[in-house]
Structure formats: C-alpha cells, structure tokens
Amino acid sequence: MVGRMRTREIGTVSVSAIGLGAMPMSVLGHMPDEAQSVRTVHAALDAGVTLIDTADAYTPSHREVGHNERIIAKALASWGGDTDDVLVATKGGHTRVAGGGWGLNGSPTYLREACERSLKALGVDSIALYQHHRPDPSVPYAESIGALKELLEAGKIRAAGISNANPAQIREAAEILGPGLVSVQNEYSPRFRSSEPEIDVCEELNLAFLPWSPLGGMGSARQLGSAHAAFGEIADAHGVSPQRVCLAWMLARSPIVIPIPGSSHPDTITDSLGALDLELTPEELARLSG
C-alpha cells in the first residue's frame, strides 16, 4: 500500500498521479466477472486513486456499448467512501462492429449522441472529462473538436480531452477549445515511445498527458521485464516488479504525465500504485530512457 497519495493536475482538478484504466474489465475473452471488476475498482479507490478512465467503446460486443461505463458507475455507487473527488474520464468517437471490430465516427452528430449515452451509462448530469477517442479521417478534425466545444458550452461535459492525436492536432484542438482542453491520451510505453513529441507539446501547453497501455498492453505487460531487459534488471535491484519500475520511470518523465495502467484484478492495480513510492536514480532513469 502506498503512503499519502501523490497528485497531479488535469486542468484545475487534482487527481491521483496514477489512475486506473478500466478497459480490461470489458475485453471479450479476457474480462473477469463483474464482481471481480467491482472489487478492482474498490481496491483502487481504497488506495486513494481518484482518476478512472473508461470509454463507451470498451465493450465485449457491439450490442453492449457502454458496458465498461456501467461497471464503473456500479462500482462507484457500491463503494463505501466519498466519490465526490473521483474524476471519471470517458471517451466517444470509436464505434464497435459485429465480430468484435472497431470503427470510427467523428461526426458532431454522432459525438453528441455518444455523449448522451455516456451520461446515461455513468448516471451523471455532466461528464468530468470527455475525450475524443480517435481522429476520423472522413471528418475534418476541427468539426469533431467543435462538437466537444458545443458539449462544454451546453454543460454536458466539464472538461475536454483528445486521444490518439499528433502534435498538429493537439495544437488545433487547443486553438478551438482554449482552456476547455485539459488532456491528451496517447499510447506510450517502453515498447512504444513515439509519443515523445506529443508529451513535449503537452508540456508546452500545460496539458495532462495520459499514457494508455503504459505497460505495453494486455498481451505484453507480463513480459515487460524480459522484453525490455533494463526494466527487469532495475526491478530486481529494487526488489519490485518491472511494471512498477516502468510507471516510476513514466512519472519521472514529466510532471504532466499521469499513467493509467489497465487492470482487472485488485492485486495488479495495487502493485502499480507502488510506483508512487519508488525513487529511481538519475543513472537508472537514463538507462531506462536509452
């Protein structure tokens, strides 16, 4: 268990420096039963996590859009503590198709409809952080982001984020949304480091950067220490998991970085939070970044 929870900023809101990525709770063939998912959320909340990331498209079937959001809502409602300070971030703009595939729809009409569905699934009147899930090549980016601005002005969402965006798109969104844009969520991990330019732009614009799949994704997270030897060796030296070393390395990258490791078991999110108390030396950080 970590000590006093460290925090970082998303816009004007302070959240735990490590959040919970809820996607693994809704992946067909991998997801646990609902009771275990609820226990995982409760374990995160018990440890002081105040950021949970979900999406309407995190669902085992195209017939169950909002599946993950509903699990999060149920877990929050059944937890014994005060959830007023818990920021639930969701996303819209990805679609699911028959057979388990993914599609895109960045049209303003669709994004408005998706937001309404997410409001209902989460059981809230306003979404704390609503993120455009992925650019749709068939829709001008400014139109998609303009829909987020409309949602902000209507009070449907309290802050806006973007996901899977390149530096130019981040700047374009910032121009359109102004202070309403608070975060960028891109893939970033030891095996996927090409988001470094996006982190730099986020630092410049004072936007939170939320790395998704920070441990390499469900298919690779267990092998992190063997696939990336430095992480395994430094983990052995500290007597901790390579995953914990990875998250500590990310936290040291920039104060705007807030990792959201995916988890579907209480033990894994608890281990991840141990990164908050792991101090890596400059030499170790240089080795991990090399």
C-alpha atoms as a PDB file:
ATOM      1  CA  MET A   1       0.000   0.000   0.000  1.00  0.00           C
ATOM      2  CA  VAL A   2       1.291   3.425  -0.909  1.00  0.00           C
ATOM      3  CA  GLY A   3       1.647   6.217   1.593  1.00  0.00           C
ATOM      4  CA  ARG A   4      -0.098   9.527   1.166  1.00  0.00           C
ATOM      5  CA  MET A   5      -1.360   9.643  -2.409  1.00  0.00           C
ATOM      6  CA  ARG A   6       0.643  11.898  -4.705  1.00  0.00           C
ATOM      7  CA  THR A   7      -1.411  14.057  -7.036  1.00  0.00           C
ATOM      8  CA  ARG A   8      -1.086  15.708 -10.414  1.00  0.00           C
ATOM      9  CA  GLU A   9      -3.271  18.165 -12.292  1.00  0.00           C
ATOM     10  CA  ILE A  10      -5.794  17.704 -15.070  1.00  0.00           C
ATOM     11  CA  GLY A  11      -6.882  21.243 -15.824  1.00  0.00           C
ATOM     12  CA  THR A  12      -7.912  22.726 -12.492  1.00  0.00           C
ATOM     13  CA  VAL A  13      -8.567  19.336 -10.862  1.00  0.00           C
ATOM     14  CA  SER A  14      -6.066  17.411  -8.749  1.00  0.00           C
ATOM     15  CA  VAL A  15      -6.112  13.640  -9.287  1.00  0.00           C
ATOM     16  CA  SER A  16      -4.000  10.714  -8.137  1.00  0.00           C
ATOM     17  CA  ALA A  17      -0.688  10.639 -10.002  1.00  0.00           C
ATOM     18  CA  ILE A  18      -1.584   7.147 -11.256  1.00  0.00           C
ATOM     19  CA  GLY A  19      -5.087   6.371 -12.460  1.00  0.00           C
ATOM     20  CA  LEU A  20      -6.991   3.179 -13.231  1.00  0.00           C
ATOM     21  CA  GLY A  21      -7.531   2.124 -16.833  1.00  0.00           C
ATOM     22  CA  ALA A  22     -10.753   0.139 -16.861  1.00  0.00           C
ATOM     23  CA  MET A  23     -10.689  -1.300 -20.386  1.00  0.00           C
ATOM     24  CA  PRO A  24      -9.505  -4.834 -19.380  1.00  0.00           C
ATOM     25  CA  MET A  25     -12.758  -5.286 -17.483  1.00  0.00           C
ATOM     26  CA  SER A  26     -14.679  -5.355 -20.771  1.00  0.00           C
ATOM     27  CA  VAL A  27     -12.491  -7.196 -23.291  1.00  0.00           C
ATOM     28  CA  LEU A  28     -14.127 -10.332 -24.683  1.00  0.00           C
ATOM     29  CA  GLY A  29     -12.137 -13.429 -23.781  1.00  0.00           C
ATOM     30  CA  HIS A  30     -10.159 -11.675 -21.064  1.00  0.00           C
ATOM     31  CA  MET A  31     -12.649  -9.876 -18.848  1.00  0.00           C
ATOM     32  CA  PRO A  32     -13.363 -11.100 -15.319  1.00  0.00           C
ATOM     33  CA  ASP A  33     -16.811 -11.464 -13.854  1.00  0.00           C
ATOM     34  CA  GLU A  34     -18.467  -8.240 -12.804  1.00  0.00           C
ATOM     35  CA  ALA A  35     -17.881  -8.874  -9.099  1.00  0.00           C
ATOM     36  CA  GLN A  36     -14.110  -9.007  -9.614  1.00  0.00           C
ATOM     37  CA  SER A  37     -14.203  -5.838 -11.690  1.00  0.00           C
ATOM     38  CA  VAL A  38     -16.072  -4.066  -8.921  1.00  0.00           C
ATOM     39  CA  ARG A  39     -13.532  -5.327  -6.369  1.00  0.00           C
ATOM     40  CA  THR A  40     -10.730  -3.973  -8.565  1.00  0.00           C
ATOM     41  CA  VAL A  41     -12.300  -0.530  -8.701  1.00  0.00           C
ATOM     42  CA  HIS A  42     -12.896  -0.626  -4.959  1.00  0.00           C
ATOM     43  CA  ALA A  43      -9.251  -1.613  -4.329  1.00  0.00           C
ATOM     44  CA  ALA A  44      -8.109   1.358  -6.398  1.00  0.00           C
ATOM     45  CA  LEU A  45     -10.429   3.722  -4.563  1.00  0.00           C
ATOM     46  CA  ASP A  46      -9.378   2.314  -1.190  1.00  0.00           C
ATOM     47  CA  ALA A  47      -5.756   3.066  -2.095  1.00  0.00           C
ATOM     48  CA  GLY A  48      -6.555   6.668  -2.999  1.00  0.00           C
ATOM     49  CA  VAL A  49      -6.988   6.541  -6.780  1.00  0.00           C
ATOM     50  CA  THR A  50      -9.132   9.445  -7.960  1.00  0.00           C
ATOM     51  CA  LEU A  51      -8.854   9.012 -11.750  1.00  0.00           C
ATOM     52  CA  ILE A  52     -10.659   6.255 -13.640  1.00  0.00           C
ATOM     53  CA  ASP A  53     -10.527   6.051 -17.429  1.00  0.00           C
ATOM     54  CA  THR A  54     -13.238   4.347 -19.454  1.00  0.00           C
ATOM     55  CA  ALA A  55     -14.968   4.669 -22.849  1.00  0.00           C
ATOM     56  CA  ASP A  56     -18.283   3.832 -24.432  1.00  0.00           C
ATOM     57  CA  ALA A  57     -16.477   1.531 -26.883  1.00  0.00           C
ATOM     58  CA  TYR A  58     -14.948  -0.617 -24.127  1.00  0.00           C
ATOM     59  CA  THR A  59     -17.414  -3.426 -24.523  1.00  0.00           C
ATOM     60  CA  PRO A  60     -17.306  -7.164 -25.259  1.00  0.00           C
ATOM     61  CA  SER A  61     -19.920  -6.768 -28.001  1.00  0.00           C
ATOM     62  CA  HIS A  62     -21.259  -4.081 -30.312  1.00  0.00           C
ATOM     63  CA  ARG A  63     -24.617  -4.784 -28.687  1.00  0.00           C
ATOM     64  CA  GLU A  64     -23.347  -3.716 -25.269  1.00  0.00           C
ATOM     65  CA  VAL A  65     -21.982  -0.216 -25.913  1.00  0.00           C
ATOM     66  CA  GLY A  66     -21.330   1.449 -22.562  1.00  0.00           C
ATOM     67  CA  HIS A  67     -20.560  -1.874 -20.819  1.00  0.00           C
ATOM     68  CA  ASN A  68     -17.424  -0.553 -19.130  1.00  0.00           C
ATOM     69  CA  GLU A  69     -19.030   2.737 -18.151  1.00  0.00           C
ATOM     70  CA  ARG A  70     -21.860   0.875 -16.440  1.00  0.00           C
ATOM     71  CA  ILE A  71     -19.389  -1.256 -14.452  1.00  0.00           C
ATOM     72  CA  ILE A  72     -17.620   1.889 -13.252  1.00  0.00           C
ATOM     73  CA  ALA A  73     -20.918   3.501 -12.282  1.00  0.00           C
ATOM     74  CA  LYS A  74     -21.945   0.378 -10.343  1.00  0.00           C
ATOM     75  CA  ALA A  75     -18.591   0.187  -8.561  1.00  0.00           C
ATOM     76  CA  LEU A  76     -18.694   3.838  -7.538  1.00  0.00           C
ATOM     77  CA  ALA A  77     -22.265   3.537  -6.289  1.00  0.00           C
ATOM     78  CA  SER A  78     -21.436   0.484  -4.164  1.00  0.00           C
ATOM     79  CA  TRP A  79     -18.195   1.784  -2.648  1.00  0.00           C
ATOM     80  CA  GLY A  80     -18.459   2.866   0.972  1.00  0.00           C
ATOM     81  CA  GLY A  81     -16.444   6.076   0.647  1.00  0.00           C
ATOM     82  CA  ASP A  82     -16.960   9.563  -0.731  1.00  0.00           C
ATOM     83  CA  THR A  83     -16.642   9.616  -4.519  1.00  0.00           C
ATOM     84  CA  ASP A  84     -17.012  13.373  -4.991  1.00  0.00           C
ATOM     85  CA  ASP A  85     -13.304  13.748  -5.727  1.00  0.00           C
ATOM     86  CA  VAL A  86     -13.138  10.837  -8.194  1.00  0.00           C
ATOM     87  CA  LEU A  87     -12.745  12.009 -11.786  1.00  0.00           C
ATOM     88  CA  VAL A  88     -14.228   9.567 -14.280  1.00  0.00           C
ATOM     89  CA  ALA A  89     -12.958  10.210 -17.787  1.00  0.00           C
ATOM     90  CA  THR A  90     -14.727   8.628 -20.735  1.00  0.00           C
ATOM     91  CA  LYS A  91     -14.395   8.796 -24.500  1.00  0.00           C
ATOM     92  CA  GLY A  92     -16.514   8.885 -27.639  1.00  0.00           C
ATOM     93  CA  GLY A  93     -15.774   8.609 -31.344  1.00  0.00           C
ATOM     94  CA  HIS A  94     -14.845   4.942 -31.640  1.00  0.00           C
ATOM     95  CA  THR A  95     -17.577   2.520 -32.643  1.00  0.00           C
ATOM     96  CA  ARG A  96     -17.825  -1.254 -32.377  1.00  0.00           C
ATOM     97  CA  VAL A  97     -18.998  -3.503 -35.171  1.00  0.00           C
ATOM     98  CA  ALA A  98     -20.233  -7.085 -35.360  1.00  0.00           C
ATOM     99  CA  GLY A  99     -17.454  -9.626 -34.885  1.00  0.00           C
ATOM    100  CA  GLY A 100     -15.591  -7.516 -32.342  1.00  0.00           C
ATOM    101  CA  GLY A 101     -14.127  -4.984 -34.753  1.00  0.00           C
ATOM    102  CA  TRP A 102     -13.628  -1.263 -34.301  1.00  0.00           C
ATOM    103  CA  GLY A 103     -14.862   1.639 -36.394  1.00  0.00           C
ATOM    104  CA  LEU A 104     -14.732   5.422 -36.282  1.00  0.00           C
ATOM    105  CA  ASN A 105     -17.349   8.142 -36.292  1.00  0.00           C
ATOM    106  CA  GLY A 106     -16.146  11.653 -35.561  1.00  0.00           C
ATOM    107  CA  SER A 107     -19.177  13.490 -36.857  1.00  0.00           C
ATOM    108  CA  PRO A 108     -20.572  16.135 -34.493  1.00  0.00           C
ATOM    109  CA  THR A 109     -23.978  14.465 -34.585  1.00  0.00           C
ATOM    110  CA  TYR A 110     -22.533  11.135 -33.510  1.00  0.00           C
ATOM    111  CA  LEU A 111     -20.362  12.658 -30.782  1.00  0.00           C
ATOM    112  CA  ARG A 112     -23.360  14.461 -29.307  1.00  0.00           C
ATOM    113  CA  GLU A 113     -25.344  11.215 -29.325  1.00  0.00           C
ATOM    114  CA  ALA A 114     -22.419   9.287 -27.818  1.00  0.00           C
ATOM    115  CA  CYS A 115     -22.083  11.842 -25.039  1.00  0.00           C
ATOM    116  CA  GLU A 116     -25.765  11.479 -24.184  1.00  0.00           C
ATOM    117  CA  ARG A 117     -25.378   7.694 -23.982  1.00  0.00           C
ATOM    118  CA  SER A 118     -22.331   8.057 -21.742  1.00  0.00           C
ATOM    119  CA  LEU A 119     -24.169  10.427 -19.429  1.00  0.00           C
ATOM    120  CA  LYS A 120     -26.871   7.789 -19.029  1.00  0.00           C
ATOM    121  CA  ALA A 121     -24.437   4.878 -18.625  1.00  0.00           C
ATOM    122  CA  LEU A 122     -22.429   6.719 -15.974  1.00  0.00           C
ATOM    123  CA  GLY A 123     -25.558   8.026 -14.266  1.00  0.00           C
ATOM    124  CA  VAL A 124     -24.361  11.635 -14.177  1.00  0.00           C
ATOM    125  CA  ASP A 125     -25.635  15.021 -15.300  1.00  0.00           C
ATOM    126  CA  SER A 126     -22.234  16.204 -16.520  1.00  0.00           C
ATOM    127  CA  ILE A 127     -19.101  14.250 -17.506  1.00  0.00           C
ATOM    128  CA  ALA A 128     -15.964  15.401 -15.704  1.00  0.00           C
ATOM    129  CA  LEU A 129     -13.636  14.703 -18.653  1.00  0.00           C
ATOM    130  CA  TYR A 130     -14.907  13.753 -22.115  1.00  0.00           C
ATOM    131  CA  GLN A 131     -12.286  12.740 -24.651  1.00  0.00           C
ATOM    132  CA  HIS A 132     -12.454  12.457 -28.430  1.00  0.00           C
ATOM    133  CA  HIS A 133     -11.323   8.852 -28.792  1.00  0.00           C
ATOM    134  CA  ARG A 134      -9.553   8.881 -32.159  1.00  0.00           C
ATOM    135  CA  PRO A 135      -9.453  11.154 -35.227  1.00  0.00           C
ATOM    136  CA  ASP A 136     -11.817  10.083 -38.007  1.00  0.00           C
ATOM    137  CA  PRO A 137     -10.146  10.638 -41.400  1.00  0.00           C
ATOM    138  CA  SER A 138     -13.553  11.117 -43.028  1.00  0.00           C
ATOM    139  CA  VAL A 139     -14.410  14.109 -40.814  1.00  0.00           C
ATOM    140  CA  PRO A 140     -12.406  17.357 -40.594  1.00  0.00           C
ATOM    141  CA  TYR A 141     -10.726  17.345 -37.189  1.00  0.00           C
ATOM    142  CA  ALA A 142     -11.967  20.845 -36.432  1.00  0.00           C
ATOM    143  CA  GLU A 143     -15.564  19.632 -36.796  1.00  0.00           C
ATOM    144  CA  SER A 144     -15.066  16.817 -34.291  1.00  0.00           C
ATOM    145  CA  ILE A 145     -13.379  19.126 -31.804  1.00  0.00           C
ATOM    146  CA  GLY A 146     -16.063  21.736 -32.415  1.00  0.00           C
ATOM    147  CA  ALA A 147     -18.578  19.196 -31.116  1.00  0.00           C
ATOM    148  CA  LEU A 148     -16.636  18.986 -27.860  1.00  0.00           C
ATOM    149  CA  LYS A 149     -16.785  22.766 -27.605  1.00  0.00           C
ATOM    150  CA  GLU A 150     -20.557  22.623 -28.004  1.00  0.00           C
ATOM    151  CA  LEU A 151     -20.777  19.996 -25.267  1.00  0.00           C
ATOM    152  CA  LEU A 152     -18.690  22.194 -22.977  1.00  0.00           C
ATOM    153  CA  GLU A 153     -20.878  25.209 -23.634  1.00  0.00           C
ATOM    154  CA  ALA A 154     -24.008  23.136 -23.013  1.00  0.00           C
ATOM    155  CA  GLY A 155     -22.668  21.921 -19.672  1.00  0.00           C
ATOM    156  CA  LYS A 156     -22.792  18.276 -20.753  1.00  0.00           C
ATOM    157  CA  ILE A 157     -19.074  17.961 -20.039  1.00  0.00           C
ATOM    158  CA  ARG A 158     -16.868  19.918 -17.642  1.00  0.00           C
ATOM    159  CA  ALA A 159     -13.574  19.453 -19.465  1.00  0.00           C
ATOM    160  CA  ALA A 160     -12.436  18.091 -22.824  1.00  0.00           C
ATOM    161  CA  GLY A 161      -9.601  15.803 -23.833  1.00  0.00           C
ATOM    162  CA  ILE A 162      -8.324  14.255 -27.029  1.00  0.00           C
ATOM    163  CA  SER A 163      -6.804  10.855 -27.666  1.00  0.00           C
ATOM    164  CA  ASN A 164      -4.516   9.377 -30.316  1.00  0.00           C
ATOM    165  CA  ALA A 165      -3.660  12.857 -31.574  1.00  0.00           C
ATOM    166  CA  ASN A 166      -0.457  14.094 -33.195  1.00  0.00           C
ATOM    167  CA  PRO A 167       1.253  17.409 -32.301  1.00  0.00           C
ATOM    168  CA  ALA A 168      -0.560  19.374 -35.015  1.00  0.00           C
ATOM    169  CA  GLN A 169      -3.925  18.037 -33.879  1.00  0.00           C
ATOM    170  CA  ILE A 170      -3.131  18.874 -30.266  1.00  0.00           C
ATOM    171  CA  ARG A 171      -2.394  22.462 -31.263  1.00  0.00           C
ATOM    172  CA  GLU A 172      -5.537  22.632 -33.403  1.00  0.00           C
ATOM    173  CA  ALA A 173      -7.682  21.364 -30.553  1.00  0.00           C
ATOM    174  CA  ALA A 174      -6.096  23.852 -28.172  1.00  0.00           C
ATOM    175  CA  GLU A 175      -6.935  26.694 -30.550  1.00  0.00           C
ATOM    176  CA  ILE A 176     -10.583  25.605 -30.739  1.00  0.00           C
ATOM    177  CA  LEU A 177     -11.169  24.659 -27.108  1.00  0.00           C
ATOM    178  CA  GLY A 178      -8.886  27.075 -25.279  1.00  0.00           C
ATOM    179  CA  PRO A 179      -8.812  26.316 -21.543  1.00  0.00           C
ATOM    180  CA  GLY A 180     -11.529  23.701 -22.083  1.00  0.00           C
ATOM    181  CA  LEU A 181      -8.856  21.316 -23.398  1.00  0.00           C
ATOM    182  CA  VAL A 182      -7.074  19.741 -20.436  1.00  0.00           C
ATOM    183  CA  SER A 183      -5.577  16.415 -21.557  1.00  0.00           C
ATOM    184  CA  VAL A 184      -4.164  14.209 -24.277  1.00  0.00           C
ATOM    185  CA  GLN A 185      -4.316  10.404 -24.086  1.00  0.00           C
ATOM    186  CA  ASN A 186      -1.897   8.573 -26.388  1.00  0.00           C
ATOM    187  CA  GLU A 187      -0.165   5.228 -26.334  1.00  0.00           C
ATOM    188  CA  TYR A 188       3.207   5.341 -24.552  1.00  0.00           C
ATOM    189  CA  SER A 189       5.281   2.530 -23.071  1.00  0.00           C
ATOM    190  CA  PRO A 190       8.785   1.054 -23.171  1.00  0.00           C
ATOM    191  CA  ARG A 191       7.871  -0.609 -26.471  1.00  0.00           C
ATOM    192  CA  PHE A 192       6.013   2.398 -27.903  1.00  0.00           C
ATOM    193  CA  ARG A 193       7.976   5.603 -27.406  1.00  0.00           C
ATOM    194  CA  SER A 194       6.945   7.552 -30.483  1.00  0.00           C
ATOM    195  CA  SER A 195       4.644   9.787 -28.405  1.00  0.00           C
ATOM    196  CA  GLU A 196       7.617  11.745 -27.032  1.00  0.00           C
ATOM    197  CA  PRO A 197       6.803  14.747 -29.322  1.00  0.00           C
ATOM    198  CA  GLU A 198       3.227  14.782 -28.021  1.00  0.00           C
ATOM    199  CA  ILE A 199       4.474  14.833 -24.437  1.00  0.00           C
ATOM    200  CA  ASP A 200       6.648  17.825 -25.297  1.00  0.00           C
ATOM    201  CA  VAL A 201       3.690  19.706 -26.808  1.00  0.00           C
ATOM    202  CA  CYS A 202       1.584  18.898 -23.754  1.00  0.00           C
ATOM    203  CA  GLU A 203       4.319  20.314 -21.508  1.00  0.00           C
ATOM    204  CA  GLU A 204       4.384  23.479 -23.604  1.00  0.00           C
ATOM    205  CA  LEU A 205       0.594  23.886 -23.471  1.00  0.00           C
ATOM    206  CA  ASN A 206       0.241  22.707 -19.849  1.00  0.00           C
ATOM    207  CA  LEU A 207      -1.948  19.741 -20.757  1.00  0.00           C
ATOM    208  CA  ALA A 208      -2.003  16.474 -18.837  1.00  0.00           C
ATOM    209  CA  PHE A 209      -0.644  13.511 -20.792  1.00  0.00           C
ATOM    210  CA  LEU A 210      -2.364  10.204 -20.010  1.00  0.00           C
ATOM    211  CA  PRO A 211      -0.385   7.264 -21.428  1.00  0.00           C
ATOM    212  CA  TRP A 212      -2.617   4.371 -22.431  1.00  0.00           C
ATOM    213  CA  SER A 213      -1.210   0.838 -22.323  1.00  0.00           C
ATOM    214  CA  PRO A 214       1.748   2.172 -20.286  1.00  0.00           C
ATOM    215  CA  LEU A 215       2.874  -1.384 -19.512  1.00  0.00           C
ATOM    216  CA  GLY A 216       2.668  -2.470 -23.151  1.00  0.00           C
ATOM    217  CA  GLY A 217      -0.910  -3.697 -23.349  1.00  0.00           C
ATOM    218  CA  MET A 218      -2.667  -6.825 -22.123  1.00  0.00           C
ATOM    219  CA  GLY A 219      -0.669  -9.104 -24.401  1.00  0.00           C
ATOM    220  CA  SER A 220       2.729  -7.745 -23.395  1.00  0.00           C
ATOM    221  CA  ALA A 221       2.545  -6.390 -19.847  1.00  0.00           C
ATOM    222  CA  ARG A 222       3.558  -9.673 -18.201  1.00  0.00           C
ATOM    223  CA  GLN A 223       6.695  -9.892 -20.344  1.00  0.00           C
ATOM    224  CA  LEU A 224       7.780  -6.289 -19.785  1.00  0.00           C
ATOM    225  CA  GLY A 225      10.843  -7.222 -17.747  1.00  0.00           C
ATOM    226  CA  SER A 226      12.084  -9.845 -20.203  1.00  0.00           C
ATOM    227  CA  ALA A 227      11.256  -7.873 -23.346  1.00  0.00           C
ATOM    228  CA  HIS A 228      12.995  -4.762 -22.002  1.00  0.00           C
ATOM    229  CA  ALA A 229      15.951  -6.013 -20.002  1.00  0.00           C
ATOM    230  CA  ALA A 230      16.814  -2.766 -18.229  1.00  0.00           C
ATOM    231  CA  PHE A 231      13.386  -2.658 -16.611  1.00  0.00           C
ATOM    232  CA  GLY A 232      13.733  -6.224 -15.375  1.00  0.00           C
ATOM    233  CA  GLU A 233      17.250  -5.730 -14.054  1.00  0.00           C
ATOM    234  CA  ILE A 234      16.431  -2.498 -12.223  1.00  0.00           C
ATOM    235  CA  ALA A 235      13.302  -4.132 -10.815  1.00  0.00           C
ATOM    236  CA  ASP A 236      15.431  -6.977  -9.441  1.00  0.00           C
ATOM    237  CA  ALA A 237      17.812  -4.469  -7.862  1.00  0.00           C
ATOM    238  CA  HIS A 238      14.924  -2.777  -6.035  1.00  0.00           C
ATOM    239  CA  GLY A 239      13.038  -5.964  -5.235  1.00  0.00           C
ATOM    240  CA  VAL A 240       9.921  -4.790  -7.081  1.00  0.00           C
ATOM    241  CA  SER A 241       8.089  -5.682 -10.288  1.00  0.00           C
ATOM    242  CA  PRO A 242       9.227  -4.409 -13.709  1.00  0.00           C
ATOM    243  CA  GLN A 243       5.763  -2.910 -14.091  1.00  0.00           C
ATOM    244  CA  ARG A 244       6.313  -0.784 -11.011  1.00  0.00           C
ATOM    245  CA  VAL A 245       9.672   0.389 -12.386  1.00  0.00           C
ATOM    246  CA  CYS A 246       8.007   1.279 -15.678  1.00  0.00           C
ATOM    247  CA  LEU A 247       5.410   3.502 -14.037  1.00  0.00           C
ATOM    248  CA  ALA A 248       8.015   5.205 -11.843  1.00  0.00           C
ATOM    249  CA  TRP A 249      10.044   5.907 -15.000  1.00  0.00           C
ATOM    250  CA  MET A 250       6.982   7.482 -16.632  1.00  0.00           C
ATOM    251  CA  LEU A 251       6.238   9.627 -13.607  1.00  0.00           C
ATOM    252  CA  ALA A 252       9.796  10.921 -13.739  1.00  0.00           C
ATOM    253  CA  ARG A 253       9.468  11.819 -17.433  1.00  0.00           C
ATOM    254  CA  SER A 254       7.382  14.911 -16.731  1.00  0.00           C
ATOM    255  CA  PRO A 255       5.022  16.245 -14.042  1.00  0.00           C
ATOM    256  CA  ILE A 256       2.245  16.323 -16.645  1.00  0.00           C
ATOM    257  CA  VAL A 257       2.360  12.543 -17.170  1.00  0.00           C
ATOM    258  CA  ILE A 258      -0.395  10.580 -15.400  1.00  0.00           C
ATOM    259  CA  PRO A 259      -0.222   6.875 -16.298  1.00  0.00           C
ATOM    260  CA  ILE A 260      -3.475   4.913 -16.432  1.00  0.00           C
ATOM    261  CA  PRO A 261      -2.432   1.235 -16.286  1.00  0.00           C
ATOM    262  CA  GLY A 262      -5.210  -1.144 -17.208  1.00  0.00           C
ATOM    263  CA  SER A 263      -6.251  -3.615 -14.561  1.00  0.00           C
ATOM    264  CA  SER A 264      -8.946  -6.174 -13.916  1.00  0.00           C
ATOM    265  CA  HIS A 265      -7.605  -7.547 -10.623  1.00  0.00           C
ATOM    266  CA  PRO A 266      -7.079  -5.822  -7.256  1.00  0.00           C
ATOM    267  CA  ASP A 267      -3.504  -7.122  -6.955  1.00  0.00           C
ATOM    268  CA  THR A 268      -2.318  -5.551 -10.209  1.00  0.00           C
ATOM    269  CA  ILE A 269      -3.623  -2.056  -9.547  1.00  0.00           C
ATOM    270  CA  THR A 270      -2.211  -2.222  -6.016  1.00  0.00           C
ATOM    271  CA  ASP A 271       1.207  -3.189  -7.384  1.00  0.00           C
ATOM    272  CA  SER A 272       1.051  -0.383  -9.933  1.00  0.00           C
ATOM    273  CA  LEU A 273       0.411   2.177  -7.222  1.00  0.00           C
ATOM    274  CA  GLY A 274       3.626   1.121  -5.528  1.00  0.00           C
ATOM    275  CA  ALA A 275       5.429   3.085  -8.269  1.00  0.00           C
ATOM    276  CA  LEU A 276       4.483   6.268  -6.411  1.00  0.00           C
ATOM    277  CA  ASP A 277       6.923   5.342  -3.638  1.00  0.00           C
ATOM    278  CA  LEU A 278       9.722   4.094  -5.911  1.00  0.00           C
ATOM    279  CA  GLU A 279      12.588   6.549  -6.348  1.00  0.00           C
ATOM    280  CA  LEU A 280      14.843   5.827  -9.309  1.00  0.00           C
ATOM    281  CA  THR A 281      18.311   7.341  -9.555  1.00  0.00           C
ATOM    282  CA  PRO A 282      19.310   9.617 -12.437  1.00  0.00           C
ATOM    283  CA  GLU A 283      21.551   6.825 -13.688  1.00  0.00           C
ATOM    284  CA  GLU A 284      18.668   4.342 -13.643  1.00  0.00           C
ATOM    285  CA  LEU A 285      16.358   6.761 -15.423  1.00  0.00           C
ATOM    286  CA  ALA A 286      18.979   7.404 -18.095  1.00  0.00           C
ATOM    287  CA  ARG A 287      19.398   3.673 -18.621  1.00  0.00           C
ATOM    288  CA  LEU A 288      15.650   3.125 -18.929  1.00  0.00           C
ATOM    289  CA  SER A 289      15.328   6.003 -21.387  1.00  0.00           C
ATOM    290  CA  GLY A 290      18.269   4.880 -23.501  1.00  0.00           C
END
